Amino acid sequence: MDSAALEPSLYTVKAIFILDNDGNRLLAKYYDTGLYPSMKEQRSFEKNVFNKTHKADNEIAFLEGMTIVYKSSIDIFFYVVGSAQENELMLMAVLNCLFDSLSQILRKNVERRCLLDNMDGVFLVVDEIIDGGVILESDPQQVVEKVNYRAGSEQAFGFVLLDYITGNMEGQADENPLSEQSVAQVLQSAKEQIKWSILK
């Protein structure tokens, strides 16, 4: 074996993607630009992975020279891809962190419709876990805190409007200190302040 191929690297994750139960892409991030550079190649790889894994009871697959760990929930499939020499336990830690973080943010409702309604939060979670193929975090509690959610009390994406309509104003931007607000809440608060300063 080539010693360069076995040299340790921080770039452990080649790709991460989420597919629905028909194998259609909901989210995909490829961190190795040499691996499937075109959209057509990526979709072909994803379809191949889905066909080999969607009916299997395993949690790991070796396909096209890649190590793939995966998990399903209701009607979606989560995949984390690494090289053939990659430690499966590290990839599984990333997968579990992704799933557990999304489960907390989506209030344990990890299914296609809810995921699509809250896609901005899903991207934030993925970006907090992996950056350019380097694993940044594998603790779901830390990820949720970094995405600025407090489990159990913070509003999930998409639920704020429902709470407003029903009169449940708990957790709104004006009642929380700035350090506990999400970026969206801070921007909304700033817009309100600017609007009222112009109208005066």
C-alpha atoms as a PDB file:
ATOM      1  CA  MET A   1       0.000   0.000   0.000  1.00  0.00           C
ATOM      2  CA  ASP A   2       1.048   3.543  -0.653  1.00  0.00           C
ATOM      3  CA  SER A   3       2.169   5.230   2.582  1.00  0.00           C
ATOM      4  CA  ALA A   4       0.625   8.542   1.448  1.00  0.00           C
ATOM      5  CA  ALA A   5      -2.805   6.878   1.322  1.00  0.00           C
ATOM      6  CA  LEU A   6      -2.494   5.822   4.964  1.00  0.00           C
ATOM      7  CA  GLU A   7      -1.169   9.152   6.218  1.00  0.00           C
ATOM      8  CA  PRO A   8      -3.467  10.588   8.912  1.00  0.00           C
ATOM      9  CA  SER A   9      -5.609  13.521   7.876  1.00  0.00           C
ATOM     10  CA  LEU A  10      -8.180  15.773   9.479  1.00  0.00           C
ATOM     11  CA  TYR A  11     -10.222  15.636   6.269  1.00  0.00           C
ATOM     12  CA  THR A  12     -12.233  12.571   7.232  1.00  0.00           C
ATOM     13  CA  VAL A  13     -15.652  13.233   5.690  1.00  0.00           C
ATOM     14  CA  LYS A  14     -15.867  13.153   1.894  1.00  0.00           C
ATOM     15  CA  ALA A  15     -19.605  13.840   1.665  1.00  0.00           C
ATOM     16  CA  ILE A  16     -22.795  14.001   3.639  1.00  0.00           C
ATOM     17  CA  PHE A  17     -26.259  13.712   2.161  1.00  0.00           C
ATOM     18  CA  ILE A  18     -29.882  13.207   3.116  1.00  0.00           C
ATOM     19  CA  LEU A  19     -32.277  11.419   0.759  1.00  0.00           C
ATOM     20  CA  ASP A  20     -36.011  10.829   0.916  1.00  0.00           C
ATOM     21  CA  ASN A  21     -37.529   7.339   0.751  1.00  0.00           C
ATOM     22  CA  ASP A  22     -37.546   7.501  -3.077  1.00  0.00           C
ATOM     23  CA  GLY A  23     -33.822   8.260  -3.225  1.00  0.00           C
ATOM     24  CA  ASN A  24     -34.266  11.941  -4.102  1.00  0.00           C
ATOM     25  CA  ARG A  25     -31.798  14.435  -2.681  1.00  0.00           C
ATOM     26  CA  LEU A  26     -32.962  16.678   0.144  1.00  0.00           C
ATOM     27  CA  LEU A  27     -29.493  17.920   1.111  1.00  0.00           C
ATOM     28  CA  ALA A  28     -25.983  17.094  -0.090  1.00  0.00           C
ATOM     29  CA  LYS A  29     -22.544  18.502   0.647  1.00  0.00           C
ATOM     30  CA  TYR A  30     -19.425  17.117  -1.037  1.00  0.00           C
ATOM     31  CA  TYR A  31     -16.201  18.163   0.655  1.00  0.00           C
ATOM     32  CA  ASP A  32     -13.719  16.449  -1.701  1.00  0.00           C
ATOM     33  CA  THR A  33     -13.863  18.366  -4.995  1.00  0.00           C
ATOM     34  CA  GLY A  34     -12.130  15.546  -6.873  1.00  0.00           C
ATOM     35  CA  LEU A  35     -14.820  13.088  -5.796  1.00  0.00           C
ATOM     36  CA  TYR A  36     -17.795  13.306  -8.160  1.00  0.00           C
ATOM     37  CA  PRO A  37     -17.163  16.875  -9.401  1.00  0.00           C
ATOM     38  CA  SER A  38     -20.352  17.172 -11.482  1.00  0.00           C
ATOM     39  CA  MET A  39     -23.952  17.168 -10.296  1.00  0.00           C
ATOM     40  CA  LYS A  40     -24.690  14.235 -12.603  1.00  0.00           C
ATOM     41  CA  GLU A  41     -21.931  12.121 -11.009  1.00  0.00           C
ATOM     42  CA  GLN A  42     -23.099  13.063  -7.520  1.00  0.00           C
ATOM     43  CA  ARG A  43     -26.703  12.097  -8.250  1.00  0.00           C
ATOM     44  CA  SER A  44     -25.575   8.834  -9.823  1.00  0.00           C
ATOM     45  CA  PHE A  45     -23.487   8.009  -6.741  1.00  0.00           C
ATOM     46  CA  GLU A  46     -26.371   8.899  -4.412  1.00  0.00           C
ATOM     47  CA  LYS A  47     -28.798   6.741  -6.401  1.00  0.00           C
ATOM     48  CA  ASN A  48     -26.339   3.833  -6.334  1.00  0.00           C
ATOM     49  CA  VAL A  49     -25.831   4.199  -2.570  1.00  0.00           C
ATOM     50  CA  PHE A  50     -29.581   4.425  -1.990  1.00  0.00           C
ATOM     51  CA  ASN A  51     -30.297   1.320  -4.091  1.00  0.00           C
ATOM     52  CA  LYS A  52     -27.711  -0.687  -2.137  1.00  0.00           C
ATOM     53  CA  THR A  53     -28.747   0.514   1.324  1.00  0.00           C
ATOM     54  CA  HIS A  54     -32.435   1.420   1.550  1.00  0.00           C
ATOM     55  CA  LYS A  55     -33.602  -2.142   2.216  1.00  0.00           C
ATOM     56  CA  ALA A  56     -30.565  -3.308   4.186  1.00  0.00           C
ATOM     57  CA  ASP A  57     -30.541  -3.641   7.961  1.00  0.00           C
ATOM     58  CA  ASN A  58     -26.862  -2.710   8.251  1.00  0.00           C
ATOM     59  CA  GLU A  59     -25.459   0.645   9.311  1.00  0.00           C
ATOM     60  CA  ILE A  60     -22.344   0.558   7.150  1.00  0.00           C
ATOM     61  CA  ALA A  61     -21.575  -0.121   3.501  1.00  0.00           C
ATOM     62  CA  PHE A  62     -18.452  -0.210   1.346  1.00  0.00           C
ATOM     63  CA  LEU A  63     -19.205   1.042  -2.138  1.00  0.00           C
ATOM     64  CA  GLU A  64     -17.129   2.532  -4.969  1.00  0.00           C
ATOM     65  CA  GLY A  65     -14.053   2.594  -2.730  1.00  0.00           C
ATOM     66  CA  MET A  66     -15.874   4.552  -0.027  1.00  0.00           C
ATOM     67  CA  THR A  67     -16.957   3.778   3.527  1.00  0.00           C
ATOM     68  CA  ILE A  68     -20.579   4.822   3.987  1.00  0.00           C
ATOM     69  CA  VAL A  69     -22.471   4.899   7.279  1.00  0.00           C
ATOM     70  CA  TYR A  70     -26.198   5.492   7.212  1.00  0.00           C
ATOM     71  CA  LYS A  71     -29.367   5.673   9.250  1.00  0.00           C
ATOM     72  CA  SER A  72     -33.041   6.014   8.397  1.00  0.00           C
ATOM     73  CA  SER A  73     -35.872   7.829  10.142  1.00  0.00           C
ATOM     74  CA  ILE A  74     -39.499   7.529   9.040  1.00  0.00           C
ATOM     75  CA  ASP A  75     -39.162   8.630   5.389  1.00  0.00           C
ATOM     76  CA  ILE A  76     -35.585   9.951   5.123  1.00  0.00           C
ATOM     77  CA  PHE A  77     -32.089   8.454   4.977  1.00  0.00           C
ATOM     78  CA  PHE A  78     -28.937  10.078   6.387  1.00  0.00           C
ATOM     79  CA  TYR A  79     -25.527   9.213   4.858  1.00  0.00           C
ATOM     80  CA  VAL A  80     -21.960  10.107   5.841  1.00  0.00           C
ATOM     81  CA  VAL A  81     -19.218   9.127   3.370  1.00  0.00           C
ATOM     82  CA  GLY A  82     -15.502   8.677   4.072  1.00  0.00           C
ATOM     83  CA  SER A  83     -12.571   7.050   2.301  1.00  0.00           C
ATOM     84  CA  ALA A  84     -12.116   3.266   2.359  1.00  0.00           C
ATOM     85  CA  GLN A  85      -9.418   3.614   5.052  1.00  0.00           C
ATOM     86  CA  GLU A  86     -11.514   5.883   7.274  1.00  0.00           C
ATOM     87  CA  ASN A  87     -12.438   4.866  10.804  1.00  0.00           C
ATOM     88  CA  GLU A  88     -16.082   3.790  10.736  1.00  0.00           C
ATOM     89  CA  LEU A  89     -16.570   4.824  14.359  1.00  0.00           C
ATOM     90  CA  MET A  90     -15.623   8.427  13.563  1.00  0.00           C
ATOM     91  CA  LEU A  91     -18.042   8.498  10.654  1.00  0.00           C
ATOM     92  CA  MET A  92     -20.748   6.949  12.846  1.00  0.00           C
ATOM     93  CA  ALA A  93     -20.115   9.623  15.509  1.00  0.00           C
ATOM     94  CA  VAL A  94     -20.759  12.303  12.862  1.00  0.00           C
ATOM     95  CA  LEU A  95     -23.920  10.535  11.705  1.00  0.00           C
ATOM     96  CA  ASN A  96     -25.269  10.147  15.241  1.00  0.00           C
ATOM     97  CA  CYS A  97     -24.450  13.766  16.053  1.00  0.00           C
ATOM     98  CA  LEU A  98     -26.295  14.933  12.924  1.00  0.00           C
ATOM     99  CA  PHE A  99     -29.350  12.815  13.668  1.00  0.00           C
ATOM    100  CA  ASP A 100     -29.506  13.665  17.382  1.00  0.00           C
ATOM    101  CA  SER A 101     -29.006  17.404  16.750  1.00  0.00           C
ATOM    102  CA  LEU A 102     -31.773  17.478  14.161  1.00  0.00           C
ATOM    103  CA  SER A 103     -33.991  15.442  16.446  1.00  0.00           C
ATOM    104  CA  GLN A 104     -33.635  18.086  19.169  1.00  0.00           C
ATOM    105  CA  ILE A 105     -34.109  21.046  16.852  1.00  0.00           C
ATOM    106  CA  LEU A 106     -37.083  19.490  15.056  1.00  0.00           C
ATOM    107  CA  ARG A 107     -38.644  18.404  18.347  1.00  0.00           C
ATOM    108  CA  LYS A 108     -38.118  14.697  17.629  1.00  0.00           C
ATOM    109  CA  ASN A 109     -40.109  15.057  14.395  1.00  0.00           C
ATOM    110  CA  VAL A 110     -37.359  13.954  11.992  1.00  0.00           C
ATOM    111  CA  GLU A 111     -39.340  13.389   8.817  1.00  0.00           C
ATOM    112  CA  ARG A 112     -39.251  14.761   5.264  1.00  0.00           C
ATOM    113  CA  ARG A 113     -41.842  17.540   5.494  1.00  0.00           C
ATOM    114  CA  CYS A 114     -40.540  18.945   8.772  1.00  0.00           C
ATOM    115  CA  LEU A 115     -36.957  18.734   7.498  1.00  0.00           C
ATOM    116  CA  LEU A 116     -37.843  20.667   4.324  1.00  0.00           C
ATOM    117  CA  ASP A 117     -39.745  23.296   6.319  1.00  0.00           C
ATOM    118  CA  ASN A 118     -36.657  23.855   8.476  1.00  0.00           C
ATOM    119  CA  MET A 119     -33.889  23.463   5.891  1.00  0.00           C
ATOM    120  CA  ASP A 120     -32.042  26.588   7.040  1.00  0.00           C
ATOM    121  CA  GLY A 121     -31.594  25.021  10.468  1.00  0.00           C
ATOM    122  CA  VAL A 122     -30.489  21.736   8.900  1.00  0.00           C
ATOM    123  CA  PHE A 123     -27.722  23.508   6.977  1.00  0.00           C
ATOM    124  CA  LEU A 124     -26.587  25.268  10.151  1.00  0.00           C
ATOM    125  CA  VAL A 125     -26.385  21.934  11.975  1.00  0.00           C
ATOM    126  CA  VAL A 126     -24.346  20.338   9.168  1.00  0.00           C
ATOM    127  CA  ASP A 127     -21.993  23.334   9.081  1.00  0.00           C
ATOM    128  CA  GLU A 128     -21.467  23.179  12.846  1.00  0.00           C
ATOM    129  CA  ILE A 129     -20.559  19.474  12.675  1.00  0.00           C
ATOM    130  CA  ILE A 130     -18.337  19.480   9.562  1.00  0.00           C
ATOM    131  CA  ASP A 131     -16.313  22.193   7.876  1.00  0.00           C
ATOM    132  CA  GLY A 132     -14.604  21.343   4.609  1.00  0.00           C
ATOM    133  CA  GLY A 133     -14.518  17.649   5.516  1.00  0.00           C
ATOM    134  CA  VAL A 134     -13.028  18.255   8.975  1.00  0.00           C
ATOM    135  CA  ILE A 135     -15.098  17.088  11.934  1.00  0.00           C
ATOM    136  CA  LEU A 136     -15.613  20.076  14.227  1.00  0.00           C
ATOM    137  CA  GLU A 137     -18.083  18.664  16.738  1.00  0.00           C
ATOM    138  CA  SER A 138     -19.585  15.292  17.617  1.00  0.00           C
ATOM    139  CA  ASP A 139     -21.634  16.269  20.679  1.00  0.00           C
ATOM    140  CA  PRO A 140     -25.245  17.046  19.727  1.00  0.00           C
ATOM    141  CA  GLN A 141     -25.745  19.266  22.802  1.00  0.00           C
ATOM    142  CA  GLN A 142     -22.834  21.475  21.744  1.00  0.00           C
ATOM    143  CA  VAL A 143     -24.143  21.647  18.172  1.00  0.00           C
ATOM    144  CA  VAL A 144     -27.605  22.661  19.348  1.00  0.00           C
ATOM    145  CA  GLU A 145     -26.103  25.348  21.590  1.00  0.00           C
ATOM    146  CA  LYS A 146     -23.918  26.651  18.758  1.00  0.00           C
ATOM    147  CA  VAL A 147     -26.924  26.847  16.459  1.00  0.00           C
ATOM    148  CA  ASN A 148     -28.382  28.867  19.332  1.00  0.00           C
ATOM    149  CA  TYR A 149     -31.105  26.590  20.492  1.00  0.00           C
ATOM    150  CA  ARG A 150     -31.800  25.602  24.049  1.00  0.00           C
ATOM    151  CA  ALA A 151     -33.348  22.132  24.078  1.00  0.00           C
ATOM    152  CA  GLY A 152     -36.908  22.202  25.332  1.00  0.00           C
ATOM    153  CA  SER A 153     -37.393  25.973  25.539  1.00  0.00           C
ATOM    154  CA  GLU A 154     -36.200  27.509  22.288  1.00  0.00           C
ATOM    155  CA  GLN A 155     -38.482  27.799  19.281  1.00  0.00           C
ATOM    156  CA  ALA A 156     -37.764  25.437  16.384  1.00  0.00           C
ATOM    157  CA  PHE A 157     -37.733  26.901  12.877  1.00  0.00           C
ATOM    158  CA  GLY A 158     -41.269  27.127  11.507  1.00  0.00           C
ATOM    159  CA  PHE A 159     -42.987  26.884  14.891  1.00  0.00           C
ATOM    160  CA  VAL A 160     -42.684  30.615  15.676  1.00  0.00           C
ATOM    161  CA  LEU A 161     -45.584  31.558  13.368  1.00  0.00           C
ATOM    162  CA  LEU A 162     -47.805  28.857  14.869  1.00  0.00           C
ATOM    163  CA  ASP A 163     -47.022  30.118  18.370  1.00  0.00           C
ATOM    164  CA  TYR A 164     -47.771  33.695  17.286  1.00  0.00           C
ATOM    165  CA  ILE A 165     -51.141  32.707  15.791  1.00  0.00           C
ATOM    166  CA  THR A 166     -52.144  30.743  18.894  1.00  0.00           C
ATOM    167  CA  GLY A 167     -51.032  33.552  21.209  1.00  0.00           C
ATOM    168  CA  ASN A 168     -48.082  31.732  22.764  1.00  0.00           C
ATOM    169  CA  MET A 169     -45.517  34.535  22.715  1.00  0.00           C
ATOM    170  CA  GLU A 170     -43.025  32.755  25.003  1.00  0.00           C
ATOM    171  CA  GLY A 171     -39.481  32.841  23.653  1.00  0.00           C
ATOM    172  CA  GLN A 172     -39.899  35.837  21.370  1.00  0.00           C
ATOM    173  CA  ALA A 173     -36.879  37.995  20.579  1.00  0.00           C
ATOM    174  CA  ASP A 174     -37.863  40.942  22.792  1.00  0.00           C
ATOM    175  CA  GLU A 175     -38.009  38.785  25.935  1.00  0.00           C
ATOM    176  CA  ASN A 176     -34.636  37.096  25.479  1.00  0.00           C
ATOM    177  CA  PRO A 177     -31.259  38.695  26.068  1.00  0.00           C
ATOM    178  CA  LEU A 178     -29.258  39.285  22.896  1.00  0.00           C
ATOM    179  CA  SER A 179     -26.858  36.431  23.674  1.00  0.00           C
ATOM    180  CA  GLU A 180     -29.740  33.925  23.700  1.00  0.00           C
ATOM    181  CA  GLN A 181     -31.339  34.983  20.411  1.00  0.00           C
ATOM    182  CA  SER A 182     -30.870  33.272  17.075  1.00  0.00           C
ATOM    183  CA  VAL A 183     -29.560  35.273  14.119  1.00  0.00           C
ATOM    184  CA  ALA A 184     -33.070  35.419  12.645  1.00  0.00           C
ATOM    185  CA  GLN A 185     -34.462  36.797  15.908  1.00  0.00           C
ATOM    186  CA  VAL A 186     -31.745  39.457  16.136  1.00  0.00           C
ATOM    187  CA  LEU A 187     -32.386  40.533  12.524  1.00  0.00           C
ATOM    188  CA  GLN A 188     -36.142  40.669  13.103  1.00  0.00           C
ATOM    189  CA  SER A 189     -35.647  42.741  16.246  1.00  0.00           C
ATOM    190  CA  ALA A 190     -33.328  45.118  14.360  1.00  0.00           C
ATOM    191  CA  LYS A 191     -35.887  45.483  11.539  1.00  0.00           C
ATOM    192  CA  GLU A 192     -38.610  46.341  14.060  1.00  0.00           C
ATOM    193  CA  GLN A 193     -36.429  48.950  15.761  1.00  0.00           C
ATOM    194  CA  ILE A 194     -35.473  50.561  12.442  1.00  0.00           C
ATOM    195  CA  LYS A 195     -39.099  50.565  11.288  1.00  0.00           C
ATOM    196  CA  TRP A 196     -40.292  52.282  14.474  1.00  0.00           C
ATOM    197  CA  SER A 197     -37.435  54.811  14.432  1.00  0.00           C
ATOM    198  CA  ILE A 198     -38.374  55.805  10.857  1.00  0.00           C
ATOM    199  CA  LEU A 199     -42.086  56.047  11.657  1.00  0.00           C
ATOM    200  CA  LYS A 200     -41.526  58.378  14.654  1.00  0.00           C
END
